[in-house]
C-alpha cells in the first residue's frame, strides 16, 4: 500500500469535507482495495452478485458521497 501518512492525511481531509481528497486517495489505494475485494468475493464461494471491480467502484462512490466515513 502507499505511504500510510499520505493515506491518513487524505482520509482526514475527506472526512473534513475536502471532496478532492477522495479523488486523490482512490488511485493510491485502488490495488489494495481490489485485492481485498477479490479475497472477500472468494469467501462467498463464487456466489457474489458483483465482480471485484464493481465492488471497488461501489466503495469509491460511497467514499465520494460521504457514506463510507465513520
N, C-alpha and C. Protein backbone atom coordinates (compact mmCIF):
# COMPACT_ATOMS: atom_id res chain seq x y z
N UNK A 1 0.85 -1.18 0.00
CA UNK A 1 0.00 0.00 0.00
C UNK A 1 0.89 1.24 0.00
N UNK A 2 0.34 2.35 -0.38
CA UNK A 2 1.08 3.60 -0.45
C UNK A 2 1.44 4.10 0.94
N UNK A 3 2.19 5.17 0.97
CA UNK A 3 2.61 5.78 2.23
C UNK A 3 1.41 5.98 3.14
N UNK A 4 1.46 5.35 4.29
CA UNK A 4 0.34 5.38 5.24
C UNK A 4 0.04 6.80 5.68
N UNK A 5 1.07 7.63 5.86
CA UNK A 5 0.85 9.02 6.27
C UNK A 5 0.04 9.79 5.25
N UNK A 6 0.34 9.59 3.99
CA UNK A 6 -0.39 10.28 2.92
C UNK A 6 -1.85 9.82 2.89
N UNK A 7 -2.05 8.52 3.01
CA UNK A 7 -3.41 7.96 3.01
C UNK A 7 -4.18 8.51 4.19
N UNK A 8 -3.55 8.53 5.36
CA UNK A 8 -4.22 9.05 6.56
C UNK A 8 -4.59 10.52 6.40
N UNK A 9 -3.67 11.31 5.87
CA UNK A 9 -3.96 12.74 5.65
C UNK A 9 -5.13 12.92 4.69
N UNK A 10 -5.15 12.14 3.62
CA UNK A 10 -6.24 12.26 2.65
C UNK A 10 -7.57 11.80 3.25
N UNK A 11 -7.55 10.74 4.05
CA UNK A 11 -8.77 10.30 4.72
C UNK A 11 -9.29 11.37 5.66
N UNK A 12 -8.39 11.98 6.42
CA UNK A 12 -8.79 13.06 7.33
C UNK A 12 -9.35 14.24 6.56
N UNK A 13 -8.71 14.59 5.45
CA UNK A 13 -9.20 15.70 4.63
C UNK A 13 -10.57 15.39 4.06
N UNK A 14 -10.76 14.16 3.60
CA UNK A 14 -12.06 13.76 3.05
C UNK A 14 -13.14 13.82 4.12
N UNK A 15 -12.80 13.36 5.32
CA UNK A 15 -13.77 13.37 6.42
C UNK A 15 -14.11 14.80 6.82
N UNK A 16 -13.18 15.72 6.60
CA UNK A 16 -13.41 17.13 6.92
C UNK A 16 -14.14 17.87 5.81
N UNK A 17 -14.49 17.15 4.75
CA UNK A 17 -15.29 17.76 3.70
C UNK A 17 -14.55 18.11 2.43
N UNK A 18 -13.27 17.76 2.32
CA UNK A 18 -12.49 18.03 1.11
C UNK A 18 -12.85 16.99 0.06
N UNK A 19 -13.73 17.35 -0.87
CA UNK A 19 -14.20 16.39 -1.87
C UNK A 19 -13.09 15.97 -2.83
N UNK A 20 -12.09 16.78 -3.02
CA UNK A 20 -10.97 16.43 -3.89
C UNK A 20 -10.06 15.39 -3.26
N UNK A 21 -10.08 15.28 -1.93
CA UNK A 21 -9.22 14.33 -1.24
C UNK A 21 -9.53 12.89 -1.64
N UNK A 22 -10.81 12.57 -1.80
CA UNK A 22 -11.20 11.21 -2.21
C UNK A 22 -10.65 10.93 -3.60
N UNK A 23 -10.71 11.91 -4.48
CA UNK A 23 -10.18 11.72 -5.84
C UNK A 23 -8.68 11.48 -5.83
N UNK A 24 -7.97 12.09 -4.90
CA UNK A 24 -6.52 11.87 -4.78
C UNK A 24 -6.22 10.56 -4.05
N UNK A 25 -7.09 10.18 -3.14
CA UNK A 25 -6.88 8.98 -2.34
C UNK A 25 -7.09 7.70 -3.13
N UNK A 26 -8.14 7.67 -3.91
CA UNK A 26 -8.55 6.43 -4.55
C UNK A 26 -7.46 5.77 -5.39
N UNK A 27 -6.72 6.52 -6.23
CA UNK A 27 -5.66 5.85 -7.00
C UNK A 27 -4.56 5.26 -6.11
N UNK A 28 -4.36 5.83 -4.94
CA UNK A 28 -3.33 5.32 -4.03
C UNK A 28 -3.71 3.98 -3.42
N UNK A 29 -5.01 3.74 -3.23
CA UNK A 29 -5.45 2.54 -2.53
C UNK A 29 -6.18 1.54 -3.44
N UNK A 30 -6.27 1.85 -4.73
CA UNK A 30 -7.06 1.04 -5.66
C UNK A 30 -6.60 -0.42 -5.68
N UNK A 31 -5.31 -0.67 -5.85
CA UNK A 31 -4.83 -2.05 -5.93
C UNK A 31 -5.12 -2.83 -4.65
N UNK A 32 -4.91 -2.18 -3.51
CA UNK A 32 -5.19 -2.83 -2.23
C UNK A 32 -6.69 -3.16 -2.11
N UNK A 33 -7.54 -2.23 -2.50
CA UNK A 33 -8.98 -2.48 -2.45
C UNK A 33 -9.38 -3.64 -3.37
N UNK A 34 -8.79 -3.70 -4.55
CA UNK A 34 -9.09 -4.80 -5.48
C UNK A 34 -8.69 -6.15 -4.87
N UNK A 35 -7.51 -6.20 -4.26
CA UNK A 35 -7.06 -7.45 -3.64
C UNK A 35 -8.01 -7.87 -2.52
N UNK A 36 -8.40 -6.92 -1.70
CA UNK A 36 -9.30 -7.24 -0.58
C UNK A 36 -10.68 -7.64 -1.08
N UNK A 37 -11.18 -6.94 -2.10
CA UNK A 37 -12.49 -7.28 -2.66
C UNK A 37 -12.47 -8.67 -3.28
N UNK A 38 -11.38 -8.99 -3.95
CA UNK A 38 -11.26 -10.32 -4.56
C UNK A 38 -11.28 -11.41 -3.48
N UNK A 39 -10.51 -11.21 -2.43
CA UNK A 39 -10.50 -12.19 -1.33
C UNK A 39 -11.89 -12.33 -0.69
N UNK A 40 -12.56 -11.19 -0.53
CA UNK A 40 -13.90 -11.21 0.05
C UNK A 40 -14.86 -12.00 -0.84
N UNK A 41 -14.78 -11.76 -2.14
CA UNK A 41 -15.65 -12.49 -3.08
C UNK A 41 -15.40 -13.98 -3.01
N UNK A 42 -14.13 -14.38 -2.92
CA UNK A 42 -13.81 -15.80 -2.88
C UNK A 42 -14.36 -16.44 -1.61
N UNK A 43 -14.51 -15.66 -0.56
CA UNK A 43 -15.11 -16.16 0.68
C UNK A 43 -16.58 -16.48 0.52
N UNK A 44 -17.21 -15.90 -0.49
CA UNK A 44 -18.63 -16.17 -0.75
C UNK A 44 -18.81 -17.41 -1.62
N UNK A 45 -17.72 -18.06 -1.97
CA UNK A 45 -17.82 -19.29 -2.77
C UNK A 45 -18.22 -19.04 -4.21
N UNK A 46 -17.96 -17.86 -4.72
CA UNK A 46 -18.27 -17.58 -6.11
C UNK A 46 -19.72 -17.21 -6.36
N UNK A 47 -20.50 -16.99 -5.31
CA UNK A 47 -21.92 -16.69 -5.46
C UNK A 47 -22.23 -15.20 -5.31
N UNK A 48 -21.20 -14.37 -5.35
CA UNK A 48 -21.42 -12.93 -5.20
C UNK A 48 -22.10 -12.37 -6.45
N UNK A 49 -22.92 -11.35 -6.26
CA UNK A 49 -23.64 -10.76 -7.38
C UNK A 49 -22.82 -9.68 -8.09
N UNK A 50 -21.76 -9.20 -7.45
CA UNK A 50 -20.93 -8.16 -8.06
C UNK A 50 -19.53 -8.70 -8.29
N UNK A 51 -18.88 -8.26 -9.38
CA UNK A 51 -17.50 -8.66 -9.60
C UNK A 51 -16.57 -7.75 -8.79
N UNK A 52 -15.29 -8.09 -8.76
CA UNK A 52 -14.32 -7.37 -7.94
C UNK A 52 -14.28 -5.89 -8.29
N UNK A 53 -14.21 -5.57 -9.57
CA UNK A 53 -14.15 -4.17 -9.99
C UNK A 53 -15.39 -3.41 -9.55
N UNK A 54 -16.55 -4.01 -9.67
CA UNK A 54 -17.79 -3.35 -9.26
C UNK A 54 -17.80 -3.07 -7.76
N UNK A 55 -17.26 -3.98 -6.97
CA UNK A 55 -17.20 -3.78 -5.53
C UNK A 55 -16.31 -2.59 -5.20
N UNK A 56 -15.14 -2.52 -5.85
CA UNK A 56 -14.20 -1.42 -5.60
C UNK A 56 -14.81 -0.10 -6.03
N UNK A 57 -15.48 -0.08 -7.16
CA UNK A 57 -16.09 1.16 -7.64
C UNK A 57 -17.25 1.59 -6.74
N UNK A 58 -17.98 0.64 -6.21
CA UNK A 58 -19.04 0.95 -5.25
C UNK A 58 -18.44 1.59 -3.99
N UNK A 59 -17.30 1.06 -3.55
CA UNK A 59 -16.62 1.64 -2.40
C UNK A 59 -16.22 3.09 -2.69
N UNK A 60 -15.72 3.35 -3.89
CA UNK A 60 -15.34 4.71 -4.27
C UNK A 60 -16.56 5.63 -4.21
N UNK A 61 -17.67 5.21 -4.79
CA UNK A 61 -18.86 6.06 -4.80
C UNK A 61 -19.34 6.35 -3.38
N UNK A 62 -19.26 5.37 -2.51
CA UNK A 62 -19.67 5.60 -1.12
C UNK A 62 -18.74 6.59 -0.43
N UNK A 63 -17.43 6.44 -0.66
CA UNK A 63 -16.47 7.39 -0.10
C UNK A 63 -16.72 8.79 -0.65
N UNK A 64 -16.92 8.88 -1.95
CA UNK A 64 -17.10 10.19 -2.60
C UNK A 64 -18.37 10.88 -2.13
N UNK A 65 -19.39 10.10 -1.78
CA UNK A 65 -20.65 10.67 -1.32
C UNK A 65 -20.65 10.89 0.19
N UNK A 66 -19.61 10.43 0.85
CA UNK A 66 -19.53 10.58 2.29
C UNK A 66 -20.19 9.44 3.06
N UNK A 67 -20.69 8.41 2.37
CA UNK A 67 -21.35 7.30 3.03
C UNK A 67 -20.37 6.34 3.69
N UNK A 68 -19.08 6.41 3.33
CA UNK A 68 -18.11 5.49 3.87
C UNK A 68 -17.38 6.04 5.08
N UNK A 69 -17.68 7.27 5.46
CA UNK A 69 -16.98 7.89 6.60
C UNK A 69 -17.50 7.31 7.90
N UNK A 70 -16.64 7.31 8.88
CA UNK A 70 -17.11 6.90 10.19
C UNK A 70 -16.18 5.95 10.75
